[in-house]
Protein backbone atom coordinates (compact mmCIF):
# COMPACT_ATOMS: atom_id res chain seq x y z
CA MET A 1 -199.48 -17.79 95.99
CA LYS A 2 -197.49 -17.99 99.21
CA ASP A 3 -193.79 -17.16 99.50
CA ILE A 4 -192.44 -20.60 100.33
CA LEU A 5 -189.33 -19.35 102.16
CA ALA A 6 -191.41 -16.93 104.24
CA ASP A 7 -193.75 -19.80 105.09
CA ILE A 8 -190.84 -22.07 106.07
CA GLU A 9 -189.38 -19.28 108.23
CA LYS A 10 -192.71 -18.85 110.01
CA ARG A 11 -192.90 -22.57 110.71
CA SER A 12 -189.30 -22.53 111.98
CA ILE A 13 -190.14 -19.75 114.41
CA GLU A 14 -193.04 -21.82 115.73
CA LYS A 15 -190.90 -24.95 116.18
CA LYS A 16 -187.79 -23.42 117.81
CA LYS A 17 -185.62 -26.41 116.87
CA THR A 18 -181.90 -26.65 117.68
CA VAL A 19 -179.51 -26.52 114.72
CA VAL A 20 -175.74 -27.16 114.87
CA LEU A 21 -173.37 -24.89 112.95
CA PRO A 22 -169.83 -26.33 112.80
CA GLU A 23 -168.24 -23.71 110.49
CA THR A 24 -168.10 -20.79 112.91
CA ASN A 25 -164.89 -19.44 111.39
CA ASP A 26 -166.95 -18.19 108.45
CA ALA A 27 -168.18 -14.60 108.74
CA ARG A 28 -171.32 -15.47 106.74
CA VAL A 29 -172.27 -18.10 109.33
CA ILE A 30 -171.85 -15.58 112.15
CA GLU A 31 -173.97 -13.03 110.33
CA ALA A 32 -176.61 -15.71 109.65
CA ALA A 33 -176.61 -16.59 113.35
CA GLU A 34 -177.21 -12.95 114.23
CA ARG A 35 -180.24 -12.91 111.95
CA ILE A 36 -181.55 -16.15 113.45
CA VAL A 37 -181.15 -14.69 116.96
CA GLU A 38 -182.95 -11.53 115.88
CA LYS A 39 -185.85 -13.54 114.40
CA GLU A 40 -185.81 -16.03 117.29
CA SER A 41 -186.45 -18.70 114.68
CA SER A 42 -184.11 -21.44 115.97
CA LYS A 43 -181.78 -22.33 118.79
CA LEU A 44 -178.18 -22.74 117.69
CA ILE A 45 -175.14 -24.73 118.74
CA PHE A 46 -171.77 -23.34 117.67
CA ILE A 47 -168.90 -25.81 117.40
CA SER A 48 -166.20 -23.42 118.54
CA GLU A 49 -163.56 -22.69 121.14
CA ASN A 50 -163.29 -19.03 120.16
CA GLU A 51 -163.55 -17.13 123.45
CA LYS A 52 -164.05 -13.78 121.72
CA LEU A 53 -166.95 -15.19 119.72
CA GLU A 54 -168.45 -16.77 122.81
CA LYS A 55 -168.22 -13.47 124.64
CA TYR A 56 -169.77 -11.66 121.66
CA PHE A 57 -172.87 -13.86 121.90
CA SER A 58 -172.88 -14.10 125.69
CA ASP A 59 -176.15 -12.17 125.95
CA HIS A 60 -177.94 -14.63 123.68
CA PRO A 61 -179.00 -17.77 125.59
CA SER A 62 -180.37 -19.27 122.36
CA ILE A 63 -176.77 -19.89 121.23
CA GLN A 64 -174.78 -22.63 122.95
CA PHE A 65 -171.06 -23.18 122.46
CA MET A 66 -169.68 -26.72 122.34
CA SER A 67 -166.45 -28.40 121.30
CA TRP A 68 -165.06 -31.90 121.25
CA ASN A 69 -162.47 -30.90 123.84
CA ARG A 70 -165.26 -29.90 126.23
CA GLU A 71 -167.41 -32.96 125.53
CA THR A 72 -168.56 -34.56 128.78
CA ASP A 73 -169.88 -37.77 127.22
CA LYS A 74 -167.04 -38.66 124.89
CA GLU A 75 -167.73 -42.35 125.33
CA LEU A 76 -171.18 -42.03 123.77
CA CYS A 77 -169.79 -40.16 120.77
CA ILE A 78 -167.01 -42.68 120.30
CA GLU A 79 -169.45 -45.59 120.57
CA LEU A 80 -171.61 -43.95 117.91
CA ILE A 81 -168.72 -43.74 115.44
CA LEU A 82 -167.49 -47.24 116.23
CA SER A 83 -171.00 -48.62 115.69
CA ASN A 84 -171.66 -46.72 112.45
CA LEU A 85 -168.24 -47.64 111.05
CA ARG A 86 -167.99 -51.17 112.38
CA HIS A 87 -167.50 -52.42 108.81
CA LYS A 88 -164.27 -50.42 108.72
CA SER A 89 -162.98 -51.87 112.01
CA ILE A 90 -161.59 -48.54 113.21
CA SER A 91 -159.92 -48.16 116.61
CA VAL A 92 -161.06 -46.04 119.54
CA SER A 93 -158.25 -43.57 118.94
CA GLU A 94 -159.23 -43.31 115.26
CA ALA A 95 -162.84 -42.63 116.24
CA GLU A 96 -161.73 -39.97 118.70
CA ASN A 97 -159.58 -38.34 116.06
CA MET A 98 -162.51 -38.28 113.63
CA LEU A 99 -164.71 -36.58 116.22
CA SER A 100 -162.22 -33.74 116.46
CA ASP A 101 -163.52 -32.74 113.01
CA PRO A 102 -166.27 -30.14 113.72
CA LEU A 103 -168.45 -31.51 110.90
CA ILE A 104 -168.42 -35.03 112.31
CA TYR A 105 -168.87 -33.83 115.87
CA ALA A 106 -171.86 -31.75 114.71
CA GLY A 107 -173.43 -34.86 113.18
CA ALA A 108 -172.78 -36.81 116.37
CA LEU A 109 -174.69 -34.21 118.39
CA VAL A 110 -177.65 -34.62 116.05
CA ALA A 111 -177.47 -38.41 116.12
CA LEU A 112 -177.39 -38.38 119.93
CA ASN A 113 -180.48 -36.09 120.06
CA ARG A 114 -178.66 -33.11 121.49
CA ALA A 115 -179.67 -31.18 118.40
CA ASP A 116 -182.35 -31.55 115.76
CA ALA A 117 -180.30 -30.82 112.64
CA ALA A 118 -176.94 -29.64 111.31
CA VAL A 119 -176.05 -27.21 108.52
CA ALA A 120 -172.57 -26.99 106.95
CA GLY A 121 -170.84 -26.56 103.63
CA SER A 122 -170.07 -22.84 103.39
CA VAL A 123 -166.41 -23.85 103.80
CA ALA A 124 -166.39 -27.65 103.47
CA THR A 125 -167.09 -29.53 100.26
CA THR A 126 -170.34 -31.35 99.61
CA ALA A 127 -168.44 -34.65 99.80
CA SER A 128 -167.21 -33.77 103.31
CA VAL A 129 -170.70 -32.82 104.48
CA ILE A 130 -172.24 -36.03 103.11
CA ARG A 131 -169.46 -38.16 104.56
CA SER A 132 -169.95 -36.54 107.98
CA GLY A 133 -173.67 -37.25 107.80
CA LEU A 134 -173.11 -40.87 106.78
CA TYR A 135 -170.65 -41.43 109.65
CA THR A 136 -173.06 -40.00 112.25
CA VAL A 137 -176.78 -39.64 111.54
CA GLY A 138 -176.76 -42.37 108.88
CA VAL A 139 -179.26 -43.16 106.11
CA LYS A 140 -182.94 -43.90 106.70
CA PRO A 141 -183.78 -47.63 106.56
CA ASN A 142 -186.23 -47.06 103.69
CA SER A 143 -183.81 -44.90 101.70
CA LYS A 144 -181.19 -46.37 99.41
CA LEU A 145 -178.90 -43.36 99.37
CA VAL A 146 -178.42 -39.67 100.06
CA SER A 147 -179.69 -37.37 97.33
CA SER A 148 -181.00 -33.83 97.04
CA ILE A 149 -183.85 -31.62 95.97
CA PHE A 150 -184.05 -28.01 94.90
CA LEU A 151 -187.14 -25.99 95.69
CA MET A 152 -187.76 -23.89 92.59
CA SER A 153 -189.88 -20.80 93.28
CA LEU A 154 -191.27 -19.81 89.88
CA THR A 155 -192.26 -16.34 88.74
CA ASN A 156 -195.89 -17.51 88.41
CA GLY A 157 -196.02 -18.09 92.17
CA LYS A 158 -195.73 -21.87 92.06
CA THR A 159 -193.10 -23.90 93.91
CA ILE A 160 -191.89 -27.10 92.29
CA SER A 161 -189.15 -29.53 93.29
CA TYR A 162 -186.30 -30.86 91.15
CA SER A 163 -184.40 -34.03 92.11
CA ASP A 164 -181.62 -35.12 92.02
CA CYS A 165 -179.55 -32.14 90.86
CA ALA A 166 -176.48 -32.33 93.08
CA VAL A 167 -175.45 -35.74 94.43
CA VAL A 168 -176.03 -38.98 92.47
CA PRO A 169 -174.48 -38.87 88.96
CA TYR A 170 -176.10 -41.87 87.26
CA PRO A 171 -178.65 -43.65 89.46
CA ASP A 172 -179.93 -47.11 88.58
CA SER A 173 -183.66 -47.90 88.70
CA GLN A 174 -183.68 -48.77 92.42
CA GLN A 175 -181.78 -45.61 93.30
CA LEU A 176 -183.95 -43.43 91.08
CA ALA A 177 -187.08 -44.80 92.75
CA SER A 178 -185.60 -44.07 96.19
CA ILE A 179 -184.70 -40.53 95.11
CA ALA A 180 -188.28 -39.99 93.92
CA ILE A 181 -189.88 -41.24 97.13
CA ASP A 182 -187.57 -39.08 99.26
CA ALA A 183 -188.22 -36.09 96.99
CA GLY A 184 -191.97 -36.57 97.30
CA ASN A 185 -191.70 -36.65 101.10
CA SER A 186 -189.42 -33.60 101.16
CA HIS A 187 -191.74 -31.63 98.89
CA HIS A 188 -194.76 -32.49 101.03
CA ILE A 189 -193.03 -31.54 104.29
CA LEU A 190 -191.68 -28.24 102.97
CA THR A 191 -194.64 -27.06 100.88
CA GLY A 192 -197.62 -28.85 102.38
CA GLU A 193 -198.66 -29.95 98.89
CA ILE A 194 -199.57 -33.48 97.86
CA PRO A 195 -196.66 -34.60 95.67
CA LYS A 196 -197.34 -35.33 92.02
CA ILE A 197 -194.16 -37.06 90.90
CA ALA A 198 -193.08 -37.15 87.26
CA PHE A 199 -190.14 -39.30 86.16
CA LEU A 200 -188.64 -37.37 83.27
CA SER A 201 -187.15 -38.72 80.06
CA PHE A 202 -186.70 -37.83 76.41
CA SER A 203 -189.58 -40.25 75.82
CA THR A 204 -193.26 -40.11 76.75
CA LYS A 205 -195.00 -43.43 77.35
CA GLY A 206 -192.96 -45.42 74.87
CA SER A 207 -192.58 -42.75 72.18
CA ALA A 208 -188.89 -43.71 72.05
CA LYS A 209 -187.14 -46.98 72.76
CA HIS A 210 -183.78 -46.98 74.51
CA GLU A 211 -182.12 -48.65 77.49
CA LYS A 212 -182.15 -45.35 79.38
CA VAL A 213 -185.91 -45.12 78.88
CA ASP A 214 -186.25 -48.67 80.19
CA LEU A 215 -184.28 -47.66 83.30
CA VAL A 216 -186.72 -44.83 84.03
CA ARG A 217 -189.74 -47.00 83.32
CA LYS A 218 -188.47 -49.63 85.77
CA ALA A 219 -187.91 -46.93 88.41
CA VAL A 220 -191.54 -45.85 88.01
CA GLU A 221 -192.70 -49.43 88.62
CA ILE A 222 -190.56 -49.70 91.76
CA ALA A 223 -191.70 -46.34 93.13
CA ASN A 224 -195.37 -47.20 92.55
CA SER A 225 -194.96 -50.57 94.29
CA LYS A 226 -193.34 -48.93 97.33
CA SER A 227 -195.73 -45.98 97.56
CA PRO A 228 -199.18 -47.19 96.52
CA GLY A 229 -201.70 -44.38 96.48
CA TRP A 230 -199.15 -41.75 95.55
CA ILE A 231 -199.50 -39.84 92.28
CA ILE A 232 -196.52 -41.12 90.29
CA ASP A 233 -196.09 -41.43 86.55
CA GLY A 234 -193.49 -41.77 83.83
CA GLU A 235 -191.69 -41.87 81.64
CA LEU A 236 -192.72 -38.35 80.64
CA GLN A 237 -191.14 -35.50 78.75
CA PHE A 238 -191.10 -32.26 80.73
CA ASP A 239 -193.79 -30.52 78.69
CA THR A 240 -196.12 -33.49 79.13
CA ALA A 241 -195.52 -33.45 82.88
CA TYR A 242 -196.01 -29.69 83.26
CA VAL A 243 -198.51 -28.46 80.63
CA PRO A 244 -202.06 -29.85 80.90
CA GLU A 245 -202.88 -29.16 77.25
CA ILE A 246 -199.88 -31.15 76.06
CA ALA A 247 -200.53 -33.92 78.59
CA SER A 248 -204.07 -34.33 77.25
CA LYS A 249 -202.63 -35.07 73.82
CA LYS A 250 -199.44 -37.00 74.58
CA ALA A 251 -200.42 -38.84 77.78
CA PRO A 252 -204.22 -38.62 78.19
CA ASP A 253 -204.30 -41.43 80.75
CA SER A 254 -201.58 -39.97 82.98
CA PRO A 255 -202.77 -39.42 86.58
CA ILE A 256 -200.59 -36.32 86.68
CA GLY A 257 -202.36 -34.62 83.80
CA GLY A 258 -199.69 -31.99 83.27
CA SER A 259 -199.75 -30.82 86.90
CA ALA A 260 -196.56 -32.38 88.31
CA ASN A 261 -194.88 -30.56 91.18
CA VAL A 262 -191.96 -32.99 91.74
CA PHE A 263 -189.71 -33.67 88.77
CA ILE A 264 -187.28 -36.61 88.87
CA PHE A 265 -184.38 -36.34 86.44
CA PRO A 266 -182.79 -39.50 85.03
CA ASN A 267 -179.26 -38.35 85.87
CA LEU A 268 -177.22 -35.53 87.34
CA ASP A 269 -176.41 -34.05 83.93
CA ALA A 270 -180.07 -33.39 83.20
CA GLY A 271 -180.99 -32.28 86.72
CA ASN A 272 -178.11 -29.88 87.27
CA ILE A 273 -178.49 -28.29 83.84
CA ALA A 274 -182.26 -27.96 84.23
CA TYR A 275 -182.22 -26.22 87.61
CA LYS A 276 -179.59 -23.72 86.46
CA ILE A 277 -181.53 -22.94 83.27
CA THR A 278 -184.76 -22.55 85.25
CA GLU A 279 -182.96 -20.23 87.65
CA ARG A 280 -180.99 -18.13 85.17
CA VAL A 281 -183.26 -18.02 82.13
CA ALA A 282 -186.72 -18.36 83.67
CA GLY A 283 -185.90 -16.20 86.71
CA ALA A 284 -186.81 -18.83 89.31
CA ARG A 285 -185.40 -18.74 92.83
CA ALA A 286 -183.56 -21.96 93.65
CA THR A 287 -183.33 -23.13 97.26
CA GLY A 288 -180.89 -25.99 97.75
CA PRO A 289 -179.41 -28.41 97.34
CA ILE A 290 -181.40 -29.78 100.25
CA LEU A 291 -179.92 -33.15 101.20
CA GLN A 292 -182.40 -35.96 101.82
CA GLY A 293 -182.17 -39.60 102.81
CA PHE A 294 -180.45 -39.07 106.17
CA ASN A 295 -182.06 -40.28 109.39
CA LYS A 296 -182.00 -36.67 110.57
CA PRO A 297 -181.39 -33.46 108.62
CA TYR A 298 -177.79 -32.65 107.78
CA LEU A 299 -177.97 -29.92 105.16
CA ASP A 300 -175.29 -28.82 102.73
CA LEU A 301 -174.47 -25.28 101.62
CA SER A 302 -172.75 -24.05 98.51
CA ARG A 303 -169.32 -22.59 99.21
CA GLY A 304 -170.54 -19.58 97.26
CA CYS A 305 -173.63 -19.19 99.45
CA SER A 306 -174.84 -15.88 100.82
CA THR A 307 -175.78 -15.12 104.41
CA ALA A 308 -179.44 -15.27 103.36
CA ASP A 309 -178.86 -18.75 101.93
CA ILE A 310 -177.51 -19.94 105.28
CA VAL A 311 -180.48 -18.46 107.13
CA SER A 312 -182.87 -20.22 104.73
CA SER A 313 -181.04 -23.53 105.15
CA ILE A 314 -181.31 -23.28 108.95
CA HIS A 315 -185.05 -22.70 108.61
CA VAL A 316 -185.40 -25.62 106.16
CA ALA A 317 -183.41 -27.91 108.46
CA SER A 318 -185.65 -26.94 111.37
CA VAL A 319 -188.83 -27.75 109.45
CA LEU A 320 -187.46 -31.04 108.09
CA SER A 321 -186.40 -32.17 111.56
CA ASP A 322 -190.03 -32.55 112.60
CA SER A 323 -190.36 -35.56 110.30
CA ALA A 324 -187.11 -37.23 111.35
């Protein structure tokens, strides 16, 4: 079985995409940039006015330094914010003030095609990263919301995806269907595998009756109607979705047949708990949360992330940008 992160890194090196890093006051980000430069896996834009830092990287043409104060096309950036936030009726001066935030300016550079993706969150909160993405790159027309996946690299060599484990607390049926479709696309882009999407529940095919089961069942109907030809099924308990022998007994007509690789959790409680148990008890390697649903990649980091995590997120953002 292939090492998924090594494969994503290789693809990033081939693509040489440009990724914006707005949190250049974080030593982990600087160290990650050094590793990216060494691997020549991406071009980088630093949002910074630090002359010492700029001098430090002066011999590396793959790193460009930009700041709002140096912006030559401020009008375009301001127009972007005014357009995206027209429902808020903000003023030009308010838009300009917002763009002085490195996270929002980073998103503007991506939205205006000066970069392919942005990565932030080693210092900022997830809420700040998502808000910056919403104000700039925006949500895809066919997505209902921003959500996330985790790539779970299992000890048996398989890579599966969990969604949503980090963003949407209690999605309704429409939102859950949107999360599933985005998760299937993300899994396919990052792993190359055909997604087999299982909507999880405490019930398998009507074994229990509850309004929460009905919500999941409705989401399955919506997802199937929007993605005909995809392999989607539910509601399923995890063992039925993952173990062929159990699937043959509990859901013999399921098109997944116990071989799901994308698992859709009914709420954030279940998803967040599951990924942490899989990571800590089963020894899986968790990569994420990888934000999805944006028009272009704007990835979030944990504030407790390592340098290696930042490097991986830059590679993931580079690969995802090809589908944007």
